[in-house]
Amino acid sequence: MRAIMRFYTKEECESWFKGYGRDLDTLKQRENCVTAWYPPNPANIDFLWIAQNLSFREPILLWITEWGIWPSSENWHLYYKLRQSYGDQRLLHEAPGHLFQNFETDDLASFLQVAATNGWGGYILPASPYPPKAFFSHDEYIDFFDEVENNLNEVKEHFAHLIKPPSTFNSDSSRQRITQDGTILTPAELHPNSPE
């Protein structure tokens, strides 16, 4: 079956989300939240599990809201080649939304993996009200959140090994980032409030 994924502008993302009776303010209010920290190589996150379990056999929106923060991590060539393979020539800032149909979970997993390894952040927003929503950060974590705490049980179980930052998190040199002015930041500088 040919992929029919669509790319949305910021305004189209907002309209899509509101069209399901949701309030954009709820994206910042994460009362019931489970945080999963990235492993040393973000590509090792189980993105296919996220795509399959958060889509709940409904459309799902991947809305990139953070990019350009860690230029040394970004592979724009890879992202744009992937995007162009779906027939879209626009730049990320022109259309940061990626709407996947229920049968495009593999496609969603691929875009999620590229976004995470590029050091980007954004939202994973299912059309269905039942699975949790997620925010993945350029600061190497994913917040899964839902109005109903019990809806997070499967997330807690699947990502139990990532719920707490690893003990070596702040000393792992592979987690260093280079800012736009060339300054090298250690994990402790990036995440001053992370547990030791």
N, C-alpha and C. Protein backbone atom coordinates (compact mmCIF):
# COMPACT_ATOMS: atom_id res chain seq x y z
N MET A 1 0.85 -1.17 0.00
CA MET A 1 0.00 0.00 0.00
C MET A 1 0.90 1.24 0.00
N ARG A 2 0.58 2.20 -0.80
CA ARG A 2 1.36 3.43 -0.91
C ARG A 2 1.12 4.31 0.31
N ALA A 3 2.19 4.85 0.86
CA ALA A 3 2.07 5.74 2.02
C ALA A 3 1.33 7.01 1.63
N ILE A 4 0.48 7.49 2.53
CA ILE A 4 -0.25 8.72 2.27
C ILE A 4 0.02 9.76 3.35
N MET A 5 1.12 9.61 4.05
CA MET A 5 1.49 10.56 5.08
C MET A 5 1.42 11.98 4.53
N ARG A 6 0.99 12.90 5.38
CA ARG A 6 0.89 14.30 4.97
C ARG A 6 1.77 15.16 5.85
N PHE A 7 2.21 16.27 5.31
CA PHE A 7 3.00 17.24 6.05
C PHE A 7 2.12 18.45 6.32
N TYR A 8 2.14 18.94 7.56
CA TYR A 8 1.27 20.03 7.99
C TYR A 8 2.09 21.24 8.44
N THR A 9 1.54 22.41 8.17
CA THR A 9 2.11 23.64 8.71
C THR A 9 1.78 23.70 10.21
N LYS A 10 2.39 24.63 10.92
CA LYS A 10 2.10 24.82 12.35
C LYS A 10 0.61 25.07 12.55
N GLU A 11 0.03 25.91 11.70
CA GLU A 11 -1.40 26.23 11.82
C GLU A 11 -2.27 24.99 11.56
N GLU A 12 -1.87 24.17 10.60
CA GLU A 12 -2.62 22.94 10.33
C GLU A 12 -2.49 21.95 11.48
N CYS A 13 -1.33 21.91 12.13
CA CYS A 13 -1.15 21.04 13.31
C CYS A 13 -2.10 21.47 14.42
N GLU A 14 -2.14 22.77 14.67
CA GLU A 14 -3.03 23.31 15.71
C GLU A 14 -4.49 22.99 15.39
N SER A 15 -4.87 23.19 14.16
CA SER A 15 -6.25 22.93 13.73
C SER A 15 -6.59 21.46 13.85
N TRP A 16 -5.68 20.58 13.46
CA TRP A 16 -5.90 19.13 13.55
C TRP A 16 -6.13 18.73 14.99
N PHE A 17 -5.28 19.21 15.89
CA PHE A 17 -5.37 18.86 17.31
C PHE A 17 -6.68 19.38 17.91
N LYS A 18 -7.01 20.63 17.61
CA LYS A 18 -8.26 21.22 18.13
C LYS A 18 -9.48 20.52 17.53
N GLY A 19 -9.33 20.03 16.30
CA GLY A 19 -10.43 19.33 15.62
C GLY A 19 -10.88 18.07 16.34
N TYR A 20 -10.02 17.53 17.19
CA TYR A 20 -10.37 16.36 17.99
C TYR A 20 -10.84 16.76 19.39
N GLY A 21 -11.20 18.04 19.52
CA GLY A 21 -11.73 18.53 20.79
C GLY A 21 -10.68 18.70 21.87
N ARG A 22 -9.44 18.88 21.47
CA ARG A 22 -8.35 19.01 22.44
C ARG A 22 -7.91 20.47 22.55
N ASP A 23 -7.42 20.81 23.71
CA ASP A 23 -6.93 22.15 23.99
C ASP A 23 -5.40 22.13 23.95
N LEU A 24 -4.81 23.05 23.21
CA LEU A 24 -3.35 23.09 23.11
C LEU A 24 -2.68 23.32 24.46
N ASP A 25 -3.38 23.97 25.39
CA ASP A 25 -2.80 24.20 26.72
C ASP A 25 -2.52 22.89 27.45
N THR A 26 -3.26 21.84 27.12
CA THR A 26 -3.05 20.55 27.81
C THR A 26 -1.69 19.94 27.47
N LEU A 27 -1.07 20.40 26.40
CA LEU A 27 0.24 19.86 26.03
C LEU A 27 1.33 20.29 27.01
N LYS A 28 1.10 21.41 27.68
CA LYS A 28 2.09 21.89 28.64
C LYS A 28 1.77 21.43 30.07
N GLN A 29 0.53 20.97 30.29
CA GLN A 29 0.12 20.50 31.61
C GLN A 29 0.22 18.98 31.62
N ARG A 30 1.25 18.48 32.23
CA ARG A 30 1.48 17.03 32.23
C ARG A 30 1.35 16.50 33.65
N GLU A 31 0.09 16.46 34.13
CA GLU A 31 -0.17 16.01 35.50
C GLU A 31 0.29 14.58 35.72
N ASN A 32 -0.14 13.67 34.87
CA ASN A 32 0.27 12.27 34.95
C ASN A 32 1.31 12.06 33.86
N CYS A 33 2.55 11.89 34.29
CA CYS A 33 3.64 11.87 33.32
C CYS A 33 4.67 10.81 33.71
N VAL A 34 5.16 10.11 32.70
CA VAL A 34 6.27 9.17 32.87
C VAL A 34 7.39 9.66 31.96
N THR A 35 8.56 9.88 32.54
CA THR A 35 9.71 10.35 31.77
C THR A 35 10.65 9.19 31.50
N ALA A 36 10.96 8.98 30.24
CA ALA A 36 11.94 7.97 29.83
C ALA A 36 13.16 8.72 29.28
N TRP A 37 14.33 8.45 29.85
CA TRP A 37 15.56 9.09 29.42
C TRP A 37 16.18 8.31 28.27
N TYR A 38 16.73 9.02 27.29
CA TYR A 38 17.38 8.36 26.16
C TYR A 38 18.56 7.53 26.65
N PRO A 39 18.77 6.37 26.03
CA PRO A 39 20.02 5.64 26.26
C PRO A 39 21.16 6.41 25.57
N PRO A 40 22.43 6.01 25.80
CA PRO A 40 23.55 6.75 25.18
C PRO A 40 23.40 6.93 23.67
N ASN A 41 22.85 5.96 22.98
CA ASN A 41 22.58 6.10 21.55
C ASN A 41 21.07 6.19 21.38
N PRO A 42 20.52 7.39 21.10
CA PRO A 42 19.07 7.54 20.99
C PRO A 42 18.43 6.62 19.94
N ALA A 43 19.23 6.16 18.98
CA ALA A 43 18.68 5.26 17.96
C ALA A 43 18.23 3.94 18.57
N ASN A 44 18.67 3.64 19.81
CA ASN A 44 18.30 2.38 20.46
C ASN A 44 16.96 2.43 21.20
N ILE A 45 16.28 3.55 21.14
CA ILE A 45 14.94 3.64 21.73
C ILE A 45 14.00 2.81 20.86
N ASP A 46 13.04 2.18 21.49
CA ASP A 46 12.09 1.34 20.75
C ASP A 46 11.01 2.22 20.11
N PHE A 47 11.38 2.89 19.02
CA PHE A 47 10.45 3.80 18.35
C PHE A 47 9.28 3.07 17.71
N LEU A 48 9.49 1.84 17.27
CA LEU A 48 8.38 1.09 16.68
C LEU A 48 7.32 0.81 17.73
N TRP A 49 7.73 0.48 18.95
CA TRP A 49 6.77 0.26 20.03
C TRP A 49 5.96 1.54 20.28
N ILE A 50 6.66 2.68 20.33
CA ILE A 50 5.98 3.96 20.54
C ILE A 50 4.96 4.19 19.43
N ALA A 51 5.38 4.01 18.19
CA ALA A 51 4.49 4.25 17.05
C ALA A 51 3.28 3.33 17.08
N GLN A 52 3.48 2.07 17.37
CA GLN A 52 2.37 1.11 17.37
C GLN A 52 1.42 1.31 18.55
N ASN A 53 1.97 1.63 19.72
CA ASN A 53 1.14 1.71 20.91
C ASN A 53 0.49 3.07 21.12
N LEU A 54 1.07 4.13 20.60
CA LEU A 54 0.45 5.43 20.75
C LEU A 54 -0.54 5.73 19.63
N SER A 55 -0.41 5.08 18.50
CA SER A 55 -1.35 5.35 17.40
C SER A 55 -2.73 4.77 17.67
N PHE A 56 -2.79 3.66 18.39
CA PHE A 56 -4.07 3.03 18.75
C PHE A 56 -4.95 2.82 17.52
N ARG A 57 -4.31 2.42 16.41
CA ARG A 57 -4.99 2.14 15.16
C ARG A 57 -5.78 3.35 14.62
N GLU A 58 -5.26 4.53 14.91
CA GLU A 58 -5.85 5.79 14.44
C GLU A 58 -4.73 6.66 13.86
N PRO A 59 -5.07 7.74 13.15
CA PRO A 59 -4.02 8.65 12.69
C PRO A 59 -3.25 9.22 13.89
N ILE A 60 -2.01 9.63 13.64
CA ILE A 60 -1.16 10.17 14.71
C ILE A 60 -0.27 11.26 14.11
N LEU A 61 -0.12 12.35 14.86
CA LEU A 61 0.64 13.50 14.39
C LEU A 61 1.98 13.59 15.10
N LEU A 62 3.04 13.65 14.32
CA LEU A 62 4.37 13.94 14.83
C LEU A 62 4.63 15.41 14.51
N TRP A 63 4.72 16.23 15.55
CA TRP A 63 4.84 17.67 15.39
C TRP A 63 6.20 18.10 15.94
N ILE A 64 7.14 18.40 15.05
CA ILE A 64 8.47 18.82 15.46
C ILE A 64 8.41 20.30 15.86
N THR A 65 8.82 20.60 17.09
CA THR A 65 8.78 21.98 17.58
C THR A 65 10.15 22.51 17.98
N GLU A 66 11.15 21.63 18.04
CA GLU A 66 12.51 22.04 18.43
C GLU A 66 13.51 21.50 17.42
N TRP A 67 14.30 22.38 16.86
CA TRP A 67 15.40 21.97 15.98
C TRP A 67 16.42 23.10 15.98
N GLY A 68 17.61 22.82 15.49
CA GLY A 68 18.65 23.84 15.42
C GLY A 68 19.33 24.12 16.75
N ILE A 69 19.01 23.36 17.78
CA ILE A 69 19.59 23.60 19.10
C ILE A 69 20.97 22.95 19.20
N TRP A 70 21.11 21.73 18.64
CA TRP A 70 22.39 21.02 18.65
C TRP A 70 22.81 20.74 17.20
N PRO A 71 23.34 21.75 16.51
CA PRO A 71 23.70 21.57 15.10
C PRO A 71 24.67 20.43 14.85
N SER A 72 25.54 20.14 15.83
CA SER A 72 26.52 19.07 15.62
C SER A 72 25.85 17.69 15.55
N SER A 73 24.60 17.59 16.01
CA SER A 73 23.89 16.31 15.98
C SER A 73 22.96 16.17 14.79
N GLU A 74 22.74 17.25 14.07
CA GLU A 74 21.72 17.25 13.02
C GLU A 74 22.24 16.71 11.69
N ASN A 75 21.47 15.81 11.11
CA ASN A 75 21.76 15.29 9.78
C ASN A 75 20.60 15.73 8.88
N TRP A 76 20.68 16.95 8.41
CA TRP A 76 19.62 17.51 7.57
C TRP A 76 19.49 16.74 6.25
N HIS A 77 20.60 16.30 5.71
CA HIS A 77 20.56 15.55 4.45
C HIS A 77 19.68 14.30 4.59
N LEU A 78 19.91 13.55 5.66
CA LEU A 78 19.12 12.34 5.89
C LEU A 78 17.64 12.68 6.06
N TYR A 79 17.35 13.70 6.87
CA TYR A 79 15.95 14.07 7.09
C TYR A 79 15.27 14.47 5.79
N TYR A 80 15.91 15.35 5.02
CA TYR A 80 15.27 15.82 3.80
C TYR A 80 15.16 14.73 2.72
N LYS A 81 16.11 13.82 2.67
CA LYS A 81 15.97 12.70 1.74
C LYS A 81 14.77 11.83 2.13
N LEU A 82 14.60 11.59 3.43
CA LEU A 82 13.44 10.83 3.90
C LEU A 82 12.16 11.58 3.58
N ARG A 83 12.13 12.84 3.88
CA ARG A 83 10.92 13.65 3.61
C ARG A 83 10.61 13.70 2.11
N GLN A 84 11.62 13.90 1.29
CA GLN A 84 11.41 13.97 -0.15
C GLN A 84 10.92 12.65 -0.73
N SER A 85 11.26 11.54 -0.05
CA SER A 85 10.77 10.24 -0.54
C SER A 85 9.25 10.13 -0.42
N TYR A 86 8.64 11.05 0.35
CA TYR A 86 7.17 11.11 0.47
C TYR A 86 6.59 12.21 -0.40
N GLY A 87 7.43 12.80 -1.25
CA GLY A 87 6.95 13.77 -2.23
C GLY A 87 6.83 15.19 -1.72
N ASP A 88 7.41 15.50 -0.56
CA ASP A 88 7.30 16.86 -0.02
C ASP A 88 8.65 17.56 -0.12
N GLN A 89 8.65 18.75 -0.69
CA GLN A 89 9.89 19.51 -0.90
C GLN A 89 10.05 20.68 0.07
N ARG A 90 9.09 20.88 0.96
CA ARG A 90 9.17 22.03 1.87
C ARG A 90 10.22 21.82 2.95
N LEU A 91 10.62 22.92 3.56
CA LEU A 91 11.56 22.89 4.66
C LEU A 91 10.82 22.57 5.96
N LEU A 92 11.56 22.09 6.95
CA LEU A 92 10.95 21.70 8.21
C LEU A 92 10.20 22.86 8.85
N HIS A 93 10.77 24.06 8.86
CA HIS A 93 10.09 25.18 9.50
C HIS A 93 8.81 25.59 8.75
N GLU A 94 8.70 25.23 7.48
CA GLU A 94 7.49 25.55 6.71
C GLU A 94 6.35 24.58 7.02
N ALA A 95 6.68 23.34 7.30
CA ALA A 95 5.67 22.32 7.59
C ALA A 95 6.25 21.33 8.59
N PRO A 96 6.20 21.67 9.90
CA PRO A 96 6.81 20.82 10.92
C PRO A 96 5.96 19.63 11.36
N GLY A 97 4.74 19.54 10.84
CA GLY A 97 3.85 18.43 11.21
C GLY A 97 3.95 17.29 10.22
N HIS A 98 3.85 16.06 10.76
CA HIS A 98 3.90 14.84 9.95
C HIS A 98 2.71 13.98 10.38
N LEU A 99 1.68 13.91 9.56
CA LEU A 99 0.48 13.15 9.92
C LEU A 99 0.54 11.77 9.29
N PHE A 100 0.53 10.75 10.14
CA PHE A 100 0.62 9.36 9.70
C PHE A 100 -0.73 8.68 9.87
N GLN A 101 -1.09 7.83 8.91
CA GLN A 101 -2.32 7.05 9.02
C GLN A 101 -2.05 5.82 9.89
N ASN A 102 -3.09 5.14 10.28
CA ASN A 102 -2.96 4.02 11.22
C ASN A 102 -2.06 2.89 10.71
N PHE A 103 -1.90 2.76 9.42
CA PHE A 103 -1.07 1.67 8.87
C PHE A 103 0.35 2.14 8.58
N GLU A 104 0.70 3.35 9.01
CA GLU A 104 2.03 3.90 8.72
C GLU A 104 2.91 3.97 9.97
N THR A 105 2.77 2.99 10.85
CA THR A 105 3.55 3.01 12.09
C THR A 105 5.05 2.84 11.83
N ASP A 106 5.41 2.07 10.83
CA ASP A 106 6.84 1.93 10.50
C ASP A 106 7.41 3.27 10.02
N ASP A 107 6.61 4.00 9.26
CA ASP A 107 7.03 5.32 8.77
C ASP A 107 7.21 6.28 9.95
N LEU A 108 6.25 6.28 10.87
CA LEU A 108 6.34 7.12 12.06
C LEU A 108 7.59 6.78 12.86
N ALA A 109 7.85 5.49 13.05
CA ALA A 109 9.04 5.07 13.80
C ALA A 109 10.32 5.60 13.15
N SER A 110 10.37 5.58 11.83
CA SER A 110 11.56 6.08 11.12
C SER A 110 11.75 7.57 11.33
N PHE A 111 10.68 8.34 11.19
CA PHE A 111 10.79 9.78 11.39
C PHE A 111 11.13 10.11 12.85
N LEU A 112 10.56 9.37 13.80
CA LEU A 112 10.88 9.58 15.21
C LEU A 112 12.36 9.33 15.48
N GLN A 113 12.88 8.26 14.91
CA GLN A 113 14.29 7.93 15.12
C GLN A 113 15.19 9.03 14.56
N VAL A 114 14.89 9.50 13.37
CA VAL A 114 15.69 10.57 12.78
C VAL A 114 15.60 11.84 13.64
N ALA A 115 14.40 12.18 14.10
CA ALA A 115 14.22 13.38 14.92
C ALA A 115 15.02 13.28 16.22
N ALA A 116 14.94 12.13 16.89
CA ALA A 116 15.64 11.97 18.17
C ALA A 116 17.15 12.01 17.99
N THR A 117 17.66 11.32 16.98
CA THR A 117 19.11 11.31 16.77
C THR A 117 19.62 12.66 16.27
N ASN A 118 18.73 13.47 15.69
CA ASN A 118 19.09 14.83 15.27
C ASN A 118 19.07 15.81 16.44
N GLY A 119 18.65 15.35 17.61
CA GLY A 119 18.59 16.23 18.77
C GLY A 119 17.42 17.19 18.73
N TRP A 120 16.33 16.79 18.06
CA TRP A 120 15.13 17.62 17.95
C TRP A 120 14.14 17.26 19.04
N GLY A 121 13.10 18.06 19.12
CA GLY A 121 12.03 17.80 20.06
C GLY A 121 10.69 18.06 19.42
N GLY A 122 9.64 17.56 20.07
CA GLY A 122 8.30 17.78 19.54
C GLY A 122 7.29 16.88 20.20
N TYR A 123 6.12 16.81 19.61
CA TYR A 123 5.00 16.06 20.18
C TYR A 123 4.61 14.87 19.30
N ILE A 124 4.12 13.84 19.96
CA ILE A 124 3.51 12.69 19.31
C ILE A 124 2.07 12.69 19.79
N LEU A 125 1.14 13.02 18.89
CA LEU A 125 -0.24 13.26 19.28
C LEU A 125 -1.20 12.31 18.55
N PRO A 126 -1.71 11.31 19.26
CA PRO A 126 -2.66 10.39 18.63
C PRO A 126 -4.03 11.05 18.45
N ALA A 127 -4.73 10.65 17.40
CA ALA A 127 -6.09 11.12 17.19
C ALA A 127 -7.02 10.55 18.26
N SER A 128 -6.78 9.32 18.64
CA SER A 128 -7.60 8.66 19.66
C SER A 128 -7.32 9.28 21.03
N PRO A 129 -8.36 9.44 21.86
CA PRO A 129 -8.14 9.99 23.20
C PRO A 129 -7.57 8.97 24.18
N TYR A 130 -7.47 7.69 23.80
CA TYR A 130 -7.12 6.65 24.76
C TYR A 130 -5.63 6.45 25.00
N PRO A 131 -4.79 6.41 24.00
CA PRO A 131 -3.37 6.22 24.33
C PRO A 131 -2.78 7.52 24.85
N PRO A 132 -1.67 7.42 25.57
CA PRO A 132 -1.01 8.64 26.04
C PRO A 132 -0.46 9.46 24.87
N LYS A 133 -0.20 10.71 25.15
CA LYS A 133 0.50 11.59 24.23
C LYS A 133 1.96 11.62 24.69
N ALA A 134 2.84 12.18 23.86
CA ALA A 134 4.25 12.22 24.27
C ALA A 134 4.90 13.50 23.77
N PHE A 135 5.87 13.95 24.56
CA PHE A 135 6.74 15.05 24.17
C PHE A 135 8.17 14.52 24.24
N PHE A 136 8.90 14.59 23.13
CA PHE A 136 10.31 14.18 23.16
C PHE A 136 11.15 15.45 23.06
N SER A 137 12.18 15.50 23.87
CA SER A 137 12.94 16.74 24.02
C SER A 137 14.33 16.67 23.40
N HIS A 138 14.81 17.82 22.97
CA HIS A 138 16.20 17.94 22.53
C HIS A 138 17.15 17.66 23.70
N ASP A 139 16.63 17.65 24.92
CA ASP A 139 17.43 17.36 26.11
C ASP A 139 17.43 15.88 26.48
N GLU A 140 17.10 15.02 25.52
CA GLU A 140 17.28 13.57 25.63
C GLU A 140 16.34 12.85 26.58
N TYR A 141 15.08 13.18 26.53
CA TYR A 141 14.08 12.43 27.28
C TYR A 141 12.75 12.48 26.52
N ILE A 142 11.86 11.57 26.89
CA ILE A 142 10.50 11.56 26.36
C ILE A 142 9.55 11.59 27.55
N ASP A 143 8.63 12.55 27.55
CA ASP A 143 7.56 12.59 28.54
C ASP A 143 6.32 11.97 27.91
N PHE A 144 5.85 10.87 28.49
CA PHE A 144 4.57 10.28 28.10
C PHE A 144 3.56 10.81 29.10
N PHE A 145 2.44 11.35 28.63
CA PHE A 145 1.49 11.94 29.57
C PHE A 145 0.05 11.66 29.14
N ASP A 146 -0.82 11.65 30.14
CA ASP A 146 -2.23 11.35 29.90
C ASP A 146 -3.05 11.88 31.07
N GLU A 147 -4.31 12.18 30.81
CA GLU A 147 -5.20 12.63 31.88
C GLU A 147 -5.48 11.51 32.87
N VAL A 148 -5.45 10.26 32.38
CA VAL A 148 -5.73 9.10 33.21
C VAL A 148 -4.41 8.37 33.50
N GLU A 149 -4.03 8.32 34.77
CA GLU A 149 -2.74 7.75 35.15
C GLU A 149 -2.59 6.28 34.73
N ASN A 150 -3.67 5.50 34.81
CA ASN A 150 -3.61 4.08 34.45
C ASN A 150 -3.25 3.86 32.98
N ASN A 151 -3.50 4.86 32.14
CA ASN A 151 -3.16 4.72 30.72
C ASN A 151 -1.65 4.71 30.49
N LEU A 152 -0.88 5.00 31.53
CA LEU A 152 0.58 5.03 31.41
C LEU A 152 1.24 3.74 31.87
N ASN A 153 0.45 2.76 32.32
CA ASN A 153 1.02 1.52 32.87
C ASN A 153 1.88 0.76 31.87
N GLU A 154 1.41 0.64 30.63
CA GLU A 154 2.20 -0.08 29.61
C GLU A 154 3.51 0.66 29.31
N VAL A 155 3.45 1.99 29.31
CA VAL A 155 4.66 2.78 29.08
C VAL A 155 5.66 2.52 30.21
N LYS A 156 5.19 2.56 31.45
CA LYS A 156 6.06 2.32 32.61
C LYS A 156 6.72 0.94 32.51
N GLU A 157 5.93 -0.03 32.12
CA GLU A 157 6.47 -1.40 32.02
C GLU A 157 7.49 -1.52 30.89
N HIS A 158 7.15 -0.99 29.72
CA HIS A 158 8.03 -1.15 28.56
C HIS A 158 9.33 -0.36 28.71
N PHE A 159 9.26 0.82 29.31
CA PHE A 159 10.44 1.68 29.42
C PHE A 159 10.99 1.73 30.84
N ALA A 160 10.74 0.70 31.63
CA ALA A 160 11.20 0.68 33.02
C ALA A 160 12.71 0.92 33.13
N HIS A 161 13.46 0.40 32.18
CA HIS A 161 14.92 0.56 32.21
C HIS A 161 15.38 1.98 31.87
N LEU A 162 14.47 2.84 31.40
CA LEU A 162 14.84 4.21 31.03
C LEU A 162 14.15 5.27 31.89
N ILE A 163 13.38 4.83 32.89
CA ILE A 163 12.61 5.77 33.70
C ILE A 163 13.53 6.68 34.52
N LYS A 164 14.65 6.18 34.95
CA LYS A 164 15.59 6.97 35.72
C LYS A 164 16.87 7.12 34.90
N PRO A 165 17.46 8.33 34.89
CA PRO A 165 18.70 8.47 34.12
C PRO A 165 19.74 7.48 34.62
N PRO A 166 20.53 6.89 33.72
CA PRO A 166 21.58 5.96 34.15
C PRO A 166 22.56 6.67 35.08
N SER A 167 23.19 5.92 35.97
CA SER A 167 24.11 6.51 36.95
C SER A 167 25.27 7.23 36.27
N THR A 168 25.60 6.83 35.06
CA THR A 168 26.72 7.45 34.35
C THR A 168 26.26 8.61 33.46
N PHE A 169 24.99 9.00 33.57
CA PHE A 169 24.42 9.99 32.67
C PHE A 169 25.27 11.27 32.60
N ASN A 170 25.61 11.82 33.74
CA ASN A 170 26.33 13.10 33.75
C ASN A 170 27.81 13.00 33.41
N SER A 171 28.36 11.78 33.37
CA SER A 171 29.78 11.64 33.05
C SER A 171 30.02 10.99 31.69
N ASP A 172 28.96 10.67 30.96
CA ASP A 172 29.07 10.00 29.67
C ASP A 172 29.47 11.01 28.60
N SER A 173 30.69 10.91 28.09
CA SER A 173 31.19 11.88 27.10
C SER A 173 30.44 11.81 25.78
N SER A 174 29.76 10.70 25.48
CA SER A 174 29.00 10.61 24.23
C SER A 174 27.77 11.51 24.27
N ARG A 175 27.42 12.01 25.44
CA ARG A 175 26.26 12.89 25.58
C ARG A 175 26.64 14.37 25.52
N GLN A 176 27.89 14.68 25.25
CA GLN A 176 28.29 16.07 25.12
C GLN A 176 27.63 16.66 23.87
N ARG A 177 27.38 17.97 23.93
CA ARG A 177 26.80 18.66 22.79
C ARG A 177 27.64 19.90 22.50
N ILE A 178 27.67 20.28 21.25
CA ILE A 178 28.41 21.48 20.84
C ILE A 178 27.38 22.53 20.44
N THR A 179 27.47 23.70 21.07
CA THR A 179 26.52 24.78 20.77
C THR A 179 26.89 25.44 19.45
N GLN A 180 26.04 26.35 19.00
CA GLN A 180 26.28 27.02 17.73
C GLN A 180 27.55 27.85 17.75
N ASP A 181 27.98 28.32 18.93
CA ASP A 181 29.21 29.10 18.99
C ASP A 181 30.45 28.23 19.23
N GLY A 182 30.27 26.89 19.25
CA GLY A 182 31.39 25.98 19.39
C GLY A 182 31.69 25.54 20.82
N THR A 183 30.93 26.02 21.79
CA THR A 183 31.14 25.63 23.19
C THR A 183 30.71 24.18 23.39
N ILE A 184 31.55 23.40 24.07
CA ILE A 184 31.21 22.01 24.37
C ILE A 184 30.54 21.97 25.74
N LEU A 185 29.34 21.41 25.80
CA LEU A 185 28.59 21.30 27.05
C LEU A 185 28.56 19.84 27.49
N THR A 186 28.83 19.62 28.76
CA THR A 186 28.77 18.27 29.32
C THR A 186 27.33 17.95 29.69
N PRO A 187 27.00 16.67 29.90
CA PRO A 187 25.64 16.32 30.33
C PRO A 187 25.23 17.03 31.62
N ALA A 188 26.15 17.20 32.56
CA ALA A 188 25.82 17.89 33.82
C ALA A 188 25.43 19.34 33.55
N GLU A 189 26.06 19.97 32.57
CA GLU A 189 25.71 21.35 32.21
C GLU A 189 24.39 21.41 31.45
N LEU A 190 24.12 20.38 30.65
CA LEU A 190 22.87 20.33 29.89
C LEU A 190 21.68 20.05 30.78
N HIS A 191 21.88 19.21 31.78
CA HIS A 191 20.79 18.73 32.64
C HIS A 191 21.15 18.96 34.10
N PRO A 192 21.22 20.21 34.55
CA PRO A 192 21.68 20.47 35.92
C PRO A 192 20.76 19.89 36.99
N ASN A 193 19.50 19.62 36.65
CA ASN A 193 18.56 19.10 37.65
C ASN A 193 18.36 17.59 37.58
N SER A 194 19.12 16.92 36.72
CA SER A 194 18.94 15.46 36.62
C SER A 194 19.53 14.78 37.85
N PRO A 195 18.92 13.68 38.28
CA PRO A 195 19.43 12.98 39.45
C PRO A 195 20.84 12.44 39.20
N GLU A 196 21.64 12.42 40.25
CA GLU A 196 22.99 11.87 40.12
C GLU A 196 22.93 10.37 40.14
